Amino acid sequence: MDMFLEDRRLNVHYDEVRREYYTKLRGNSAIQLFVYCPWCGVKLPTPLGSVYYGTLREMFGDDVDIKDMDIPEEFKTDAWWRNSKVDLEALAEKYEKEWEEEVSLIQIAGA
C-alpha cells in the first residue's frame, strides 16, 4: 500500500493517528476506509478511528470535540496506539458495535 500512497495520481491516503487507509469521496468531506488492499487483496491492519474517538469519549465525555479542545499530546500522533497495552482489535470491535447500536436507536427514534 505504501507505494500507492506516494503516487499523487491516486486518491489514496493514510492517517497514522487513526491507522486508517482511505480514499476521499468526491463532492463532499466523506471518506471510504480500506479494509483490504484494493490491488493485492491483503487484509490491512484494523482501522482504529472508533478506538481513538471511543477512548477520547471515555476520557472527556460524550461531547468531546477534538478540534476545539487540548487533547493529550500522544493522541496527536500514532503514539497512543503504538504504546497501547490493550487489545486494540477487540476495542475496535466493541466501539463499532456500540456505535451501530446508537445509530439504530437514532433511526428508530426518527422513524
Protein backbone atom coordinates (compact mmCIF):
# COMPACT_ATOMS: atom_id res chain seq x y z
CA MET A 1 0.00 0.00 0.00
CA ASP A 2 2.81 2.42 0.79
CA MET A 3 3.88 2.73 -2.85
CA PHE A 4 0.31 3.71 -3.78
CA LEU A 5 0.30 6.39 -1.08
CA GLU A 6 3.25 8.04 -2.79
CA ASP A 7 1.56 8.12 -6.22
CA ARG A 8 -0.11 11.55 -6.42
CA ARG A 9 -2.33 10.37 -9.29
CA LEU A 10 -4.19 8.11 -6.87
CA ASN A 11 -6.66 9.26 -4.25
CA VAL A 12 -5.25 7.02 -1.51
CA HIS A 13 -4.36 8.33 1.94
CA TYR A 14 -3.12 7.06 5.30
CA ASP A 15 -3.96 8.60 8.68
CA GLU A 16 -1.26 7.44 11.07
CA VAL A 17 -3.10 8.74 14.15
CA ARG A 18 -6.12 6.51 13.46
CA ARG A 19 -4.22 3.84 11.48
CA GLU A 20 -6.62 4.19 8.57
CA TYR A 21 -6.11 3.75 4.84
CA TYR A 22 -8.82 5.56 2.90
CA THR A 23 -9.92 7.36 -0.23
CA LYS A 24 -11.67 10.73 -0.20
CA LEU A 25 -15.05 10.72 -1.89
CA ARG A 26 -15.58 13.47 -4.43
CA GLY A 27 -18.11 16.19 -3.84
CA ASN A 28 -18.16 16.05 -0.03
CA SER A 29 -15.97 15.51 3.02
CA ALA A 30 -16.71 11.77 3.33
CA ILE A 31 -14.08 9.07 3.16
CA GLN A 32 -14.17 5.36 2.37
CA LEU A 33 -11.93 3.18 4.52
CA PHE A 34 -9.95 0.32 3.03
CA VAL A 35 -10.11 -2.94 4.96
CA TYR A 36 -8.24 -4.82 2.23
CA CYS A 37 -5.61 -3.58 -0.20
CA PRO A 38 -7.50 -2.80 -3.42
CA TRP A 39 -4.58 -4.03 -5.52
CA CYS A 40 -3.41 -7.27 -3.89
CA GLY A 41 -6.30 -8.13 -1.54
CA VAL A 42 -4.21 -8.48 1.63
CA LYS A 43 -6.07 -7.59 4.84
CA LEU A 44 -4.88 -4.27 6.22
CA PRO A 45 -4.41 -3.57 9.94
CA THR A 46 -7.67 -2.85 11.75
CA PRO A 47 -8.57 0.85 11.42
CA LEU A 48 -8.55 2.49 14.83
CA GLY A 49 -10.79 5.52 14.35
CA SER A 50 -13.52 4.04 16.54
CA VAL A 51 -10.98 3.24 19.28
CA TYR A 52 -9.47 6.72 19.01
CA TYR A 53 -12.80 8.53 19.41
CA GLY A 54 -14.13 5.98 21.91
CA THR A 55 -11.08 6.42 24.12
CA LEU A 56 -11.37 10.21 23.97
CA ARG A 57 -15.11 9.97 24.76
CA GLU A 58 -14.28 7.89 27.84
CA MET A 59 -11.67 10.43 28.91
CA PHE A 60 -13.64 13.64 28.21
CA GLY A 61 -17.32 12.65 27.90
CA ASP A 62 -19.75 12.23 25.04
CA ASP A 63 -19.44 15.81 23.82
CA VAL A 64 -15.73 15.53 23.01
CA ASP A 65 -14.69 17.75 20.11
CA ILE A 66 -11.05 17.15 19.29
CA LYS A 67 -10.86 20.28 17.13
CA ASP A 68 -11.85 22.59 19.97
CA MET A 69 -10.01 21.04 22.88
CA ASP A 70 -6.50 20.39 24.02
CA ILE A 71 -6.17 16.61 23.77
CA PRO A 72 -3.14 14.83 25.25
CA GLU A 73 -0.04 15.04 23.03
CA GLU A 74 0.10 11.27 22.50
CA PHE A 75 -3.31 11.47 20.75
CA LYS A 76 -1.89 13.86 18.15
CA THR A 77 0.40 11.13 16.80
CA ASP A 78 0.37 7.35 16.43
CA ALA A 79 1.97 7.04 19.89
CA TRP A 80 -1.40 6.40 21.56
CA TRP A 81 -1.89 3.10 19.71
CA ARG A 82 1.75 2.11 19.26
CA ASN A 83 2.31 2.34 23.03
CA SER A 84 -1.03 0.79 23.98
CA LYS A 85 -1.05 -2.29 26.18
CA VAL A 86 -4.67 -3.25 25.38
CA ASP A 87 -6.10 -5.42 22.60
CA LEU A 88 -6.89 -2.72 20.04
CA GLU A 89 -8.74 -5.08 17.69
CA ALA A 90 -11.10 -6.13 20.49
CA LEU A 91 -11.66 -2.48 21.42
CA ALA A 92 -12.37 -1.60 17.79
CA GLU A 93 -15.00 -4.33 17.65
CA LYS A 94 -16.53 -3.13 20.94
CA TYR A 95 -16.79 0.51 19.85
CA GLU A 96 -18.09 -0.37 16.38
CA LYS A 97 -20.86 -2.44 17.96
CA GLU A 98 -21.75 0.34 20.43
CA TRP A 99 -21.96 2.92 17.64
CA GLU A 100 -24.05 0.63 15.44
CA GLU A 101 -26.49 0.31 18.35
CA GLU A 102 -26.56 4.10 18.81
CA VAL A 103 -27.29 4.62 15.11
CA SER A 104 -30.07 2.01 15.27
CA LEU A 105 -31.65 3.81 18.24
CA ILE A 106 -31.45 7.15 16.42
CA GLN A 107 -33.06 5.61 13.33
CA ILE A 108 -35.83 4.04 15.43
CA ALA A 109 -36.48 7.32 17.25
CA GLY A 110 -36.67 9.19 13.96
CA ALA A 111 -38.97 6.66 12.28
